C-alpha atoms as a PDB file:
ATOM      1  CA  MET A   1      70.135  22.425 110.453  1.00  0.00           C
ATOM      2  CA  THR A   2      70.673  26.143 109.903  1.00  0.00           C
ATOM      3  CA  ASP A   3      67.842  28.661 110.033  1.00  0.00           C
ATOM      4  CA  ALA A   4      68.121  29.092 106.252  1.00  0.00           C
ATOM      5  CA  ALA A   5      67.794  25.349 105.643  1.00  0.00           C
ATOM      6  CA  ARG A   6      64.906  25.023 108.128  1.00  0.00           C
ATOM      7  CA  ASP A   7      62.931  27.735 106.291  1.00  0.00           C
ATOM      8  CA  PHE A   8      63.873  26.335 102.869  1.00  0.00           C
ATOM      9  CA  GLU A   9      63.149  22.608 103.210  1.00  0.00           C
ATOM     10  CA  PRO A  10      59.325  22.823 103.455  1.00  0.00           C
ATOM     11  CA  HIS A  11      59.314  24.366  99.974  1.00  0.00           C
ATOM     12  CA  ARG A  12      61.852  22.061  98.303  1.00  0.00           C
ATOM     13  CA  ALA A  13      59.320  19.629  96.784  1.00  0.00           C
ATOM     14  CA  ASP A  14      57.287  22.425  95.176  1.00  0.00           C
ATOM     15  CA  LEU A  15      60.449  24.079  93.889  1.00  0.00           C
ATOM     16  CA  VAL A  16      61.612  20.841  92.236  1.00  0.00           C
ATOM     17  CA  LYS A  17      58.182  20.503  90.601  1.00  0.00           C
ATOM     18  CA  VAL A  18      58.381  24.042  89.224  1.00  0.00           C
ATOM     19  CA  ALA A  19      61.866  23.461  87.852  1.00  0.00           C
ATOM     20  CA  TYR A  20      61.080  20.013  86.417  1.00  0.00           C
ATOM     21  CA  ARG A  21      58.019  21.313  84.597  1.00  0.00           C
ATOM     22  CA  MET A  22      60.063  24.179  83.197  1.00  0.00           C
ATOM     23  CA  LEU A  23      63.145  22.168  82.207  1.00  0.00           C
ATOM     24  CA  GLY A  24      61.973  18.575  81.738  1.00  0.00           C
ATOM     25  CA  SER A  25      65.034  17.210  83.552  1.00  0.00           C
ATOM     26  CA  VAL A  26      65.232  15.950  87.120  1.00  0.00           C
ATOM     27  CA  ALA A  27      68.981  16.531  87.343  1.00  0.00           C
ATOM     28  CA  GLU A  28      68.705  20.102  86.065  1.00  0.00           C
ATOM     29  CA  ALA A  29      65.730  20.766  88.328  1.00  0.00           C
ATOM     30  CA  GLU A  30      67.688  19.634  91.381  1.00  0.00           C
ATOM     31  CA  ASP A  31      70.663  21.782  90.315  1.00  0.00           C
ATOM     32  CA  VAL A  32      68.404  24.836  90.000  1.00  0.00           C
ATOM     33  CA  VAL A  33      66.843  24.227  93.406  1.00  0.00           C
ATOM     34  CA  GLN A  34      70.299  23.921  94.953  1.00  0.00           C
ATOM     35  CA  ASP A  35      71.288  27.228  93.309  1.00  0.00           C
ATOM     36  CA  ALA A  36      68.120  28.755  94.748  1.00  0.00           C
ATOM     37  CA  PHE A  37      69.066  27.538  98.222  1.00  0.00           C
ATOM     38  CA  LEU A  38      72.498  29.151  97.927  1.00  0.00           C
ATOM     39  CA  ARG A  39      70.833  32.432  97.019  1.00  0.00           C
ATOM     40  CA  TRP A  40      68.363  32.025  99.869  1.00  0.00           C
ATOM     41  CA  ASN A  41      71.196  31.302 102.266  1.00  0.00           C
ATOM     42  CA  GLY A  42      72.923  34.519 101.249  1.00  0.00           C
ATOM     43  CA  ALA A  43      69.804  36.691 101.117  1.00  0.00           C
ATOM     44  CA  ALA A  44      68.650  39.249 103.683  1.00  0.00           C
ATOM     45  CA  ARG A  45      65.790  36.974 104.758  1.00  0.00           C
ATOM     46  CA  ASP A  46      64.405  39.262 107.449  1.00  0.00           C
ATOM     47  CA  GLY A  47      62.895  41.422 104.729  1.00  0.00           C
ATOM     48  CA  VAL A  48      61.200  38.493 102.910  1.00  0.00           C
ATOM     49  CA  GLU A  49      57.455  38.430 103.658  1.00  0.00           C
ATOM     50  CA  SER A  50      56.759  35.164 101.821  1.00  0.00           C
ATOM     51  CA  PRO A  51      59.637  32.668 101.556  1.00  0.00           C
ATOM     52  CA  ARG A  52      57.590  30.506  99.161  1.00  0.00           C
ATOM     53  CA  ALA A  53      56.978  33.379  96.745  1.00  0.00           C
ATOM     54  CA  PHE A  54      60.606  34.486  96.963  1.00  0.00           C
ATOM     55  CA  LEU A  55      61.885  30.970  96.261  1.00  0.00           C
ATOM     56  CA  ILE A  56      59.480  30.255  93.403  1.00  0.00           C
ATOM     57  CA  ARG A  57      60.459  33.566  91.843  1.00  0.00           C
ATOM     58  CA  THR A  58      64.137  32.678  92.204  1.00  0.00           C
ATOM     59  CA  VAL A  59      63.702  29.174  90.730  1.00  0.00           C
ATOM     60  CA  THR A  60      61.631  30.477  87.826  1.00  0.00           C
ATOM     61  CA  ARG A  61      64.225  33.120  86.937  1.00  0.00           C
ATOM     62  CA  LEU A  62      67.015  30.531  87.126  1.00  0.00           C
ATOM     63  CA  CYS A  63      65.008  28.207  84.848  1.00  0.00           C
ATOM     64  CA  LEU A  64      64.395  30.973  82.306  1.00  0.00           C
ATOM     65  CA  ASP A  65      68.119  31.709  82.274  1.00  0.00           C
ATOM     66  CA  ARG A  66      68.870  28.028  81.628  1.00  0.00           C
ATOM     67  CA  LEU A  67      66.277  27.790  78.885  1.00  0.00           C
ATOM     68  CA  ASN A  68      67.713  30.816  77.118  1.00  0.00           C
ATOM     69  CA  SER A  69      71.239  29.412  77.283  1.00  0.00           C
ATOM     70  CA  ALA A  70      70.076  25.945  76.193  1.00  0.00           C
ATOM     71  CA  ARG A  71      68.001  27.156  73.238  1.00  0.00           C
ATOM     72  CA  ALA A  72      70.731  26.439  70.683  1.00  0.00           C
ATOM     73  CA  ARG A  73      71.341  22.951  72.094  1.00  0.00           C
ATOM     74  CA  ARG A  74      67.621  22.157  72.010  1.00  0.00           C
ATOM     75  CA  GLU A  75      67.369  23.327  68.393  1.00  0.00           C
ATOM     76  CA  GLU A  76      70.270  21.033  67.466  1.00  0.00           C
ATOM     77  CA  TYR A  77      68.811  18.028  69.325  1.00  0.00           C
ATOM     78  CA  VAL A  78      68.576  14.935  67.133  1.00  0.00           C
ATOM     79  CA  GLY A  79      64.974  13.825  66.726  1.00  0.00           C
ATOM     80  CA  THR A  80      62.085  14.299  69.134  1.00  0.00           C
ATOM     81  CA  TRP A  81      62.891  15.730  72.573  1.00  0.00           C
ATOM     82  CA  LEU A  82      61.022  14.146  75.501  1.00  0.00           C
ATOM     83  CA  PRO A  83      61.378  14.982  79.205  1.00  0.00           C
ATOM     84  CA  GLU A  84      63.415  12.761  81.492  1.00  0.00           C
ATOM     85  CA  PRO A  85      60.972  10.133  82.814  1.00  0.00           C
ATOM     86  CA  LEU A  86      59.927   9.964  86.459  1.00  0.00           C
ATOM     87  CA  VAL A  87      59.346   6.327  87.366  1.00  0.00           C
ATOM     88  CA  GLU A  88      57.369   4.661  90.149  1.00  0.00           C
ATOM     89  CA  GLN A  89      57.053   0.908  90.447  1.00  0.00           C
ATOM     90  CA  GLU A  90      53.781   1.003  92.376  1.00  0.00           C
ATOM     91  CA  GLY A  91      50.963   3.455  92.873  1.00  0.00           C
ATOM     92  CA  THR A  92      50.490   6.860  91.299  1.00  0.00           C
ATOM     93  CA  GLY A  93      51.985   9.215  93.840  1.00  0.00           C
ATOM     94  CA  LEU A  94      53.130  11.422  90.959  1.00  0.00           C
ATOM     95  CA  ALA A  95      50.539  14.014  90.034  1.00  0.00           C
ATOM     96  CA  HIS A  96      48.853  13.619  86.663  1.00  0.00           C
ATOM     97  CA  ASP A  97      49.902  17.158  85.793  1.00  0.00           C
ATOM     98  CA  LEU A  98      53.428  15.755  85.494  1.00  0.00           C
ATOM     99  CA  SER A  99      52.369  13.438  82.665  1.00  0.00           C
ATOM    100  CA  LEU A 100      54.617  13.272  79.626  1.00  0.00           C
ATOM    101  CA  ALA A 101      51.688  14.387  77.494  1.00  0.00           C
ATOM    102  CA  LEU A 102      51.381  17.641  79.438  1.00  0.00           C
ATOM    103  CA  LEU A 103      55.125  18.168  79.668  1.00  0.00           C
ATOM    104  CA  VAL A 104      55.490  17.734  75.897  1.00  0.00           C
ATOM    105  CA  THR A 105      52.752  20.324  75.438  1.00  0.00           C
ATOM    106  CA  LEU A 106      54.496  22.713  77.836  1.00  0.00           C
ATOM    107  CA  GLN A 107      57.753  22.320  75.929  1.00  0.00           C
ATOM    108  CA  ARG A 108      56.016  23.590  72.791  1.00  0.00           C
ATOM    109  CA  LEU A 109      55.186  26.843  74.558  1.00  0.00           C
ATOM    110  CA  SER A 110      57.572  29.731  74.849  1.00  0.00           C
ATOM    111  CA  PRO A 111      59.450  29.823  78.176  1.00  0.00           C
ATOM    112  CA  LEU A 112      57.393  32.852  79.269  1.00  0.00           C
ATOM    113  CA  GLU A 113      54.083  31.180  78.372  1.00  0.00           C
ATOM    114  CA  ARG A 114      55.167  28.086  80.257  1.00  0.00           C
ATOM    115  CA  ALA A 115      56.153  30.082  83.319  1.00  0.00           C
ATOM    116  CA  ALA A 116      52.964  32.170  83.333  1.00  0.00           C
ATOM    117  CA  PHE A 117      50.764  29.073  83.082  1.00  0.00           C
ATOM    118  CA  LEU A 118      52.638  27.113  85.749  1.00  0.00           C
ATOM    119  CA  LEU A 119      52.891  29.933  88.263  1.00  0.00           C
ATOM    120  CA  HIS A 120      49.257  31.004  87.958  1.00  0.00           C
ATOM    121  CA  ASP A 121      47.298  27.875  87.022  1.00  0.00           C
ATOM    122  CA  VAL A 122      49.354  25.224  88.814  1.00  0.00           C
ATOM    123  CA  PHE A 123      50.900  27.057  91.780  1.00  0.00           C
ATOM    124  CA  ASP A 124      48.069  29.569  92.375  1.00  0.00           C
ATOM    125  CA  MET A 125      50.210  32.685  92.194  1.00  0.00           C
ATOM    126  CA  GLY A 126      48.294  35.890  91.500  1.00  0.00           C
ATOM    127  CA  PHE A 127      48.819  37.605  88.146  1.00  0.00           C
ATOM    128  CA  ALA A 128      50.359  40.640  89.811  1.00  0.00           C
ATOM    129  CA  ASP A 129      52.979  38.432  91.461  1.00  0.00           C
ATOM    130  CA  VAL A 130      53.582  36.497  88.223  1.00  0.00           C
ATOM    131  CA  ALA A 131      54.111  39.798  86.441  1.00  0.00           C
ATOM    132  CA  GLY A 132      56.775  40.644  88.992  1.00  0.00           C
ATOM    133  CA  VAL A 133      58.528  37.316  88.483  1.00  0.00           C
ATOM    134  CA  LEU A 134      58.516  37.574  84.691  1.00  0.00           C
ATOM    135  CA  GLU A 135      59.166  41.311  84.620  1.00  0.00           C
ATOM    136  CA  ARG A 136      56.180  41.883  82.346  1.00  0.00           C
ATOM    137  CA  SER A 137      52.953  43.842  82.732  1.00  0.00           C
ATOM    138  CA  GLU A 138      49.998  42.119  84.352  1.00  0.00           C
ATOM    139  CA  ALA A 139      48.030  42.369  81.103  1.00  0.00           C
ATOM    140  CA  ALA A 140      50.854  40.707  79.179  1.00  0.00           C
ATOM    141  CA  VAL A 141      51.070  37.904  81.739  1.00  0.00           C
ATOM    142  CA  ARG A 142      47.318  37.277  81.487  1.00  0.00           C
ATOM    143  CA  GLN A 143      47.688  36.897  77.718  1.00  0.00           C
ATOM    144  CA  LEU A 144      50.643  34.542  78.110  1.00  0.00           C
ATOM    145  CA  ALA A 145      48.709  32.340  80.539  1.00  0.00           C
ATOM    146  CA  ALA A 146      45.575  32.351  78.363  1.00  0.00           C
ATOM    147  CA  ARG A 147      47.499  31.216  75.273  1.00  0.00           C
ATOM    148  CA  ALA A 148      49.218  28.481  77.257  1.00  0.00           C
ATOM    149  CA  ARG A 149      45.934  27.368  78.841  1.00  0.00           C
ATOM    150  CA  GLY A 150      44.368  26.957  75.404  1.00  0.00           C
ATOM    151  CA  HIS A 151      47.180  24.668  74.231  1.00  0.00           C
ATOM    152  CA  VAL A 152      47.054  22.615  77.420  1.00  0.00           C
ATOM    153  CA  ARG A 153      43.274  22.226  77.198  1.00  0.00           C
ATOM    154  CA  GLU A 154      43.527  20.963  73.612  1.00  0.00           C
ATOM    155  CA  ALA A 155      46.164  18.398  74.602  1.00  0.00           C
ATOM    156  CA  ARG A 156      44.232  16.828  77.473  1.00  0.00           C
ATOM    157  CA  PRO A 157      41.928  13.876  76.691  1.00  0.00           C
ATOM    158  CA  ARG A 158      38.225  14.518  77.218  1.00  0.00           C
ATOM    159  CA  PHE A 159      37.720  11.452  79.410  1.00  0.00           C
ATOM    160  CA  ARG A 160      40.645  10.286  81.525  1.00  0.00           C
ATOM    161  CA  ALA A 161      40.622   6.619  82.434  1.00  0.00           C
ATOM    162  CA  SER A 162      40.801   5.448  86.027  1.00  0.00           C
ATOM    163  CA  ASP A 163      44.202   4.182  87.123  1.00  0.00           C
ATOM    164  CA  GLU A 164      42.890   0.603  87.049  1.00  0.00           C
ATOM    165  CA  GLU A 165      41.540   0.927  83.506  1.00  0.00           C
ATOM    166  CA  ALA A 166      44.670   2.692  82.305  1.00  0.00           C
ATOM    167  CA  ARG A 167      46.867  -0.079  83.748  1.00  0.00           C
ATOM    168  CA  ARG A 168      44.701  -2.771  82.165  1.00  0.00           C
ATOM    169  CA  LEU A 169      44.886  -1.155  78.715  1.00  0.00           C
ATOM    170  CA  ALA A 170      48.642  -0.590  78.987  1.00  0.00           C
ATOM    171  CA  ASP A 171      49.191  -4.236  79.958  1.00  0.00           C
ATOM    172  CA  ALA A 172      47.003  -5.384  77.066  1.00  0.00           C
ATOM    173  CA  PHE A 173      49.004  -3.181  74.710  1.00  0.00           C
ATOM    174  CA  GLN A 174      52.303  -4.635  75.951  1.00  0.00           C
ATOM    175  CA  ALA A 175      51.039  -8.216  75.644  1.00  0.00           C
ATOM    176  CA  ALA A 176      49.846  -7.618  72.082  1.00  0.00           C
ATOM    177  CA  LEU A 177      53.089  -5.858  71.173  1.00  0.00           C
ATOM    178  CA  THR A 178      55.440  -8.550  72.451  1.00  0.00           C
ATOM    179  CA  SER A 179      53.359 -11.312  70.851  1.00  0.00           C
ATOM    180  CA  GLY A 180      53.093  -9.466  67.540  1.00  0.00           C
ATOM    181  CA  ASP A 181      49.283  -9.417  67.690  1.00  0.00           C
ATOM    182  CA  LEU A 182      48.628  -6.562  65.270  1.00  0.00           C
ATOM    183  CA  GLY A 183      44.873  -7.125  65.304  1.00  0.00           C
ATOM    184  CA  THR A 184      44.659  -6.439  69.037  1.00  0.00           C
ATOM    185  CA  LEU A 185      47.052  -3.495  68.721  1.00  0.00           C
ATOM    186  CA  SER A 186      44.789  -1.997  66.075  1.00  0.00           C
ATOM    187  CA  ARG A 187      41.759  -2.306  68.364  1.00  0.00           C
ATOM    188  CA  LEU A 188      43.630  -0.683  71.254  1.00  0.00           C
ATOM    189  CA  LEU A 189      44.982   2.288  69.289  1.00  0.00           C
ATOM    190  CA  ALA A 190      42.939   5.432  68.708  1.00  0.00           C
ATOM    191  CA  GLU A 191      42.689   6.419  65.053  1.00  0.00           C
ATOM    192  CA  ASP A 192      44.623   9.642  65.745  1.00  0.00           C
ATOM    193  CA  ALA A 193      47.166   8.105  68.170  1.00  0.00           C
ATOM    194  CA  VAL A 194      50.742   9.442  68.137  1.00  0.00           C
ATOM    195  CA  PHE A 195      53.999   7.578  68.777  1.00  0.00           C
ATOM    196  CA  TYR A 196      56.948   9.593  70.129  1.00  0.00           C
ATOM    197  CA  ALA A 197      60.504   8.319  70.592  1.00  0.00           C
ATOM    198  CA  ASP A 198      63.550  10.086  71.995  1.00  0.00           C
ATOM    199  CA  GLY A 199      66.906   8.569  71.144  1.00  0.00           C
ATOM    200  CA  GLY A 200      68.828  11.849  71.238  1.00  0.00           C
ATOM    201  CA  GLY A 201      71.069  10.636  68.419  1.00  0.00           C
ATOM    202  CA  LYS A 202      72.567   8.101  70.841  1.00  0.00           C
ATOM    203  CA  ARG A 203      70.208   5.186  70.115  1.00  0.00           C
ATOM    204  CA  ALA A 204      68.007   4.324  67.164  1.00  0.00           C
ATOM    205  CA  ALA A 205      64.640   6.081  67.250  1.00  0.00           C
ATOM    206  CA  VAL A 206      62.215   7.639  64.790  1.00  0.00           C
ATOM    207  CA  LEU A 207      63.178  11.272  64.280  1.00  0.00           C
ATOM    208  CA  GLN A 208      59.622  12.593  63.989  1.00  0.00           C
ATOM    209  CA  PRO A 209      56.407  11.559  65.777  1.00  0.00           C
ATOM    210  CA  ILE A 210      54.423   8.887  63.952  1.00  0.00           C
ATOM    211  CA  GLU A 211      50.820  10.024  63.632  1.00  0.00           C
ATOM    212  CA  GLY A 212      47.772   7.842  63.087  1.00  0.00           C
ATOM    213  CA  ARG A 213      46.827   4.230  63.820  1.00  0.00           C
ATOM    214  CA  ALA A 214      47.787   2.875  60.394  1.00  0.00           C
ATOM    215  CA  ALA A 215      51.245   4.470  60.395  1.00  0.00           C
ATOM    216  CA  ILE A 216      51.969   3.296  63.962  1.00  0.00           C
ATOM    217  CA  LEU A 217      50.896  -0.265  63.133  1.00  0.00           C
ATOM    218  CA  GLY A 218      53.163  -0.258  60.084  1.00  0.00           C
ATOM    219  CA  PHE A 219      56.094   0.841  62.228  1.00  0.00           C
ATOM    220  CA  LEU A 220      55.383  -1.658  65.028  1.00  0.00           C
ATOM    221  CA  GLU A 221      55.054  -4.498  62.527  1.00  0.00           C
ATOM    222  CA  LYS A 222      58.640  -3.827  61.445  1.00  0.00           C
ATOM    223  CA  ILE A 223      60.219  -3.448  64.872  1.00  0.00           C
ATOM    224  CA  VAL A 224      58.646  -6.558  66.430  1.00  0.00           C
ATOM    225  CA  LYS A 225      60.426  -8.591  63.744  1.00  0.00           C
ATOM    226  CA  HIS A 226      63.828  -7.081  64.579  1.00  0.00           C
ATOM    227  CA  PRO A 227      66.228  -9.566  66.243  1.00  0.00           C
ATOM    228  CA  ALA A 228      66.964  -7.073  69.047  1.00  0.00           C
ATOM    229  CA  PHE A 229      63.280  -6.524  69.903  1.00  0.00           C
ATOM    230  CA  PRO A 230      62.913  -7.383  73.623  1.00  0.00           C
ATOM    231  CA  GLY A 231      60.562 -10.153  74.697  1.00  0.00           C
ATOM    232  CA  ALA A 232      57.815  -9.988  77.288  1.00  0.00           C
ATOM    233  CA  LYS A 233      60.168 -10.781  80.194  1.00  0.00           C
ATOM    234  CA  ALA A 234      62.109  -7.566  79.550  1.00  0.00           C
ATOM    235  CA  TYR A 235      59.067  -5.388  80.371  1.00  0.00           C
ATOM    236  CA  ARG A 236      58.589  -4.346  83.996  1.00  0.00           C
ATOM    237  CA  PRO A 237      55.311  -2.519  84.722  1.00  0.00           C
ATOM    238  CA  ALA A 238      55.760   0.968  86.151  1.00  0.00           C
ATOM    239  CA  TRP A 239      54.051   4.312  86.452  1.00  0.00           C
ATOM    240  CA  ILE A 240      55.896   6.887  84.393  1.00  0.00           C
ATOM    241  CA  ASN A 241      54.993  10.514  85.149  1.00  0.00           C
ATOM    242  CA  GLY A 242      51.648   9.287  86.451  1.00  0.00           C
ATOM    243  CA  MET A 243      50.971   7.291  83.265  1.00  0.00           C
ATOM    244  CA  PRO A 244      50.957   3.475  82.993  1.00  0.00           C
ATOM    245  CA  GLY A 245      54.004   2.139  81.252  1.00  0.00           C
ATOM    246  CA  PHE A 246      57.073  -0.048  81.402  1.00  0.00           C
ATOM    247  CA  VAL A 247      60.765   0.008  82.143  1.00  0.00           C
ATOM    248  CA  VAL A 248      62.301  -2.187  79.449  1.00  0.00           C
ATOM    249  CA  HIS A 249      65.660  -3.903  79.921  1.00  0.00           C
ATOM    250  CA  GLY A 250      66.521  -4.983  76.381  1.00  0.00           C
ATOM    251  CA  PRO A 251      69.700  -5.988  74.541  1.00  0.00           C
ATOM    252  CA  GLU A 252      70.568  -2.328  73.884  1.00  0.00           C
ATOM    253  CA  GLY A 253      70.040  -1.196  77.457  1.00  0.00           C
ATOM    254  CA  VAL A 254      67.232   0.327  79.480  1.00  0.00           C
ATOM    255  CA  GLU A 255      64.381   2.427  78.067  1.00  0.00           C
ATOM    256  CA  THR A 256      60.929   3.529  79.198  1.00  0.00           C
ATOM    257  CA  ILE A 257      57.575   3.362  77.443  1.00  0.00           C
ATOM    258  CA  ALA A 258      54.660   5.395  78.791  1.00  0.00           C
ATOM    259  CA  ILE A 259      51.122   4.876  77.524  1.00  0.00           C
ATOM    260  CA  GLU A 260      48.622   7.725  77.368  1.00  0.00           C
ATOM    261  CA  ILE A 261      44.999   6.636  77.609  1.00  0.00           C
ATOM    262  CA  GLY A 262      42.067   8.741  76.451  1.00  0.00           C
ATOM    263  CA  ASP A 263      38.444   7.801  75.784  1.00  0.00           C
ATOM    264  CA  GLY A 264      39.251   4.130  76.466  1.00  0.00           C
ATOM    265  CA  LEU A 265      41.996   3.851  73.852  1.00  0.00           C
ATOM    266  CA  VAL A 266      45.738   4.354  73.547  1.00  0.00           C
ATOM    267  CA  VAL A 267      46.175   7.902  72.266  1.00  0.00           C
ATOM    268  CA  GLY A 268      49.890   8.364  72.886  1.00  0.00           C
ATOM    269  CA  ILE A 269      53.031   6.252  73.220  1.00  0.00           C
ATOM    270  CA  TYR A 270      56.185   7.875  74.649  1.00  0.00           C
ATOM    271  CA  ALA A 271      59.434   5.907  74.332  1.00  0.00           C
ATOM    272  CA  VAL A 272      62.555   7.388  75.942  1.00  0.00           C
ATOM    273  CA  ARG A 273      65.715   5.660  74.643  1.00  0.00           C
ATOM    274  CA  ASN A 274      68.318   8.377  75.108  1.00  0.00           C
ATOM    275  CA  PRO A 275      70.746   6.873  77.681  1.00  0.00           C
ATOM    276  CA  ASP A 276      71.553  10.332  79.054  1.00  0.00           C
ATOM    277  CA  LYS A 277      67.958  10.537  80.342  1.00  0.00           C
ATOM    278  CA  LEU A 278      67.925   7.029  81.827  1.00  0.00           C
ATOM    279  CA  ARG A 279      71.004   6.967  84.019  1.00  0.00           C
ATOM    280  CA  HIS A 280      68.874   6.956  87.161  1.00  0.00           C
ATOM    281  CA  LEU A 281      67.313   3.670  85.992  1.00  0.00           C
ATOM    282  CA  SER A 282      70.451   1.797  84.959  1.00  0.00           C
END
């Protein structure tokens, strides 16, 4: 291992987390981190006081460049855009601040708001350093982070369930769904629950989020009657971005469903059906 690699590797995991939160794609995050390593390898490292700060700055700038170049593609995306799911079969090693609920909220922020919030609130970088990364004044960065923090606070449930309770509710939801038990589904859903689906124009999916218990029940009542609706054996329990959910191997291919629990009820359902985001599961 070269000196550059030896100094870089301890920071790789944090750098991937920064890039994934910014971009919502594991593949793109890994590409950015590799680009950052190439820059680190070619840098005059003797003059770098803090390798971590240097590398986070580099990754953040690379992410902002990608977001700016991808803006047109994101605007043309068919339907709801959801991040690429991170899947664990057991345990919750993934941090809850990687949940799809939070990542969807971050995607609604401007790239600069997202970066300011992540660097300061998640990775504990001082505002002066964040200002240097974003090439903005410290006062401007404080405002960016404050606006982002307000949106994130609104999106988080007041009372987060324990992992055991969240798993139990998700399993109950799946059992009721695959059996067509609409009465149980109604009791499990919060009145203001939201259903999101990302097909990317490649697979059938609702183009806009479905809001409210009644509207979600109406939609689920239709899809459970569809001949291609997968049965209970197609659902494999998993933790998806720290949320209880399922990897589903149905007639149309693989998809993921993550369940967001808040105040003892299902408050969000996140279905990723776009095959481009599920290649790592196929």
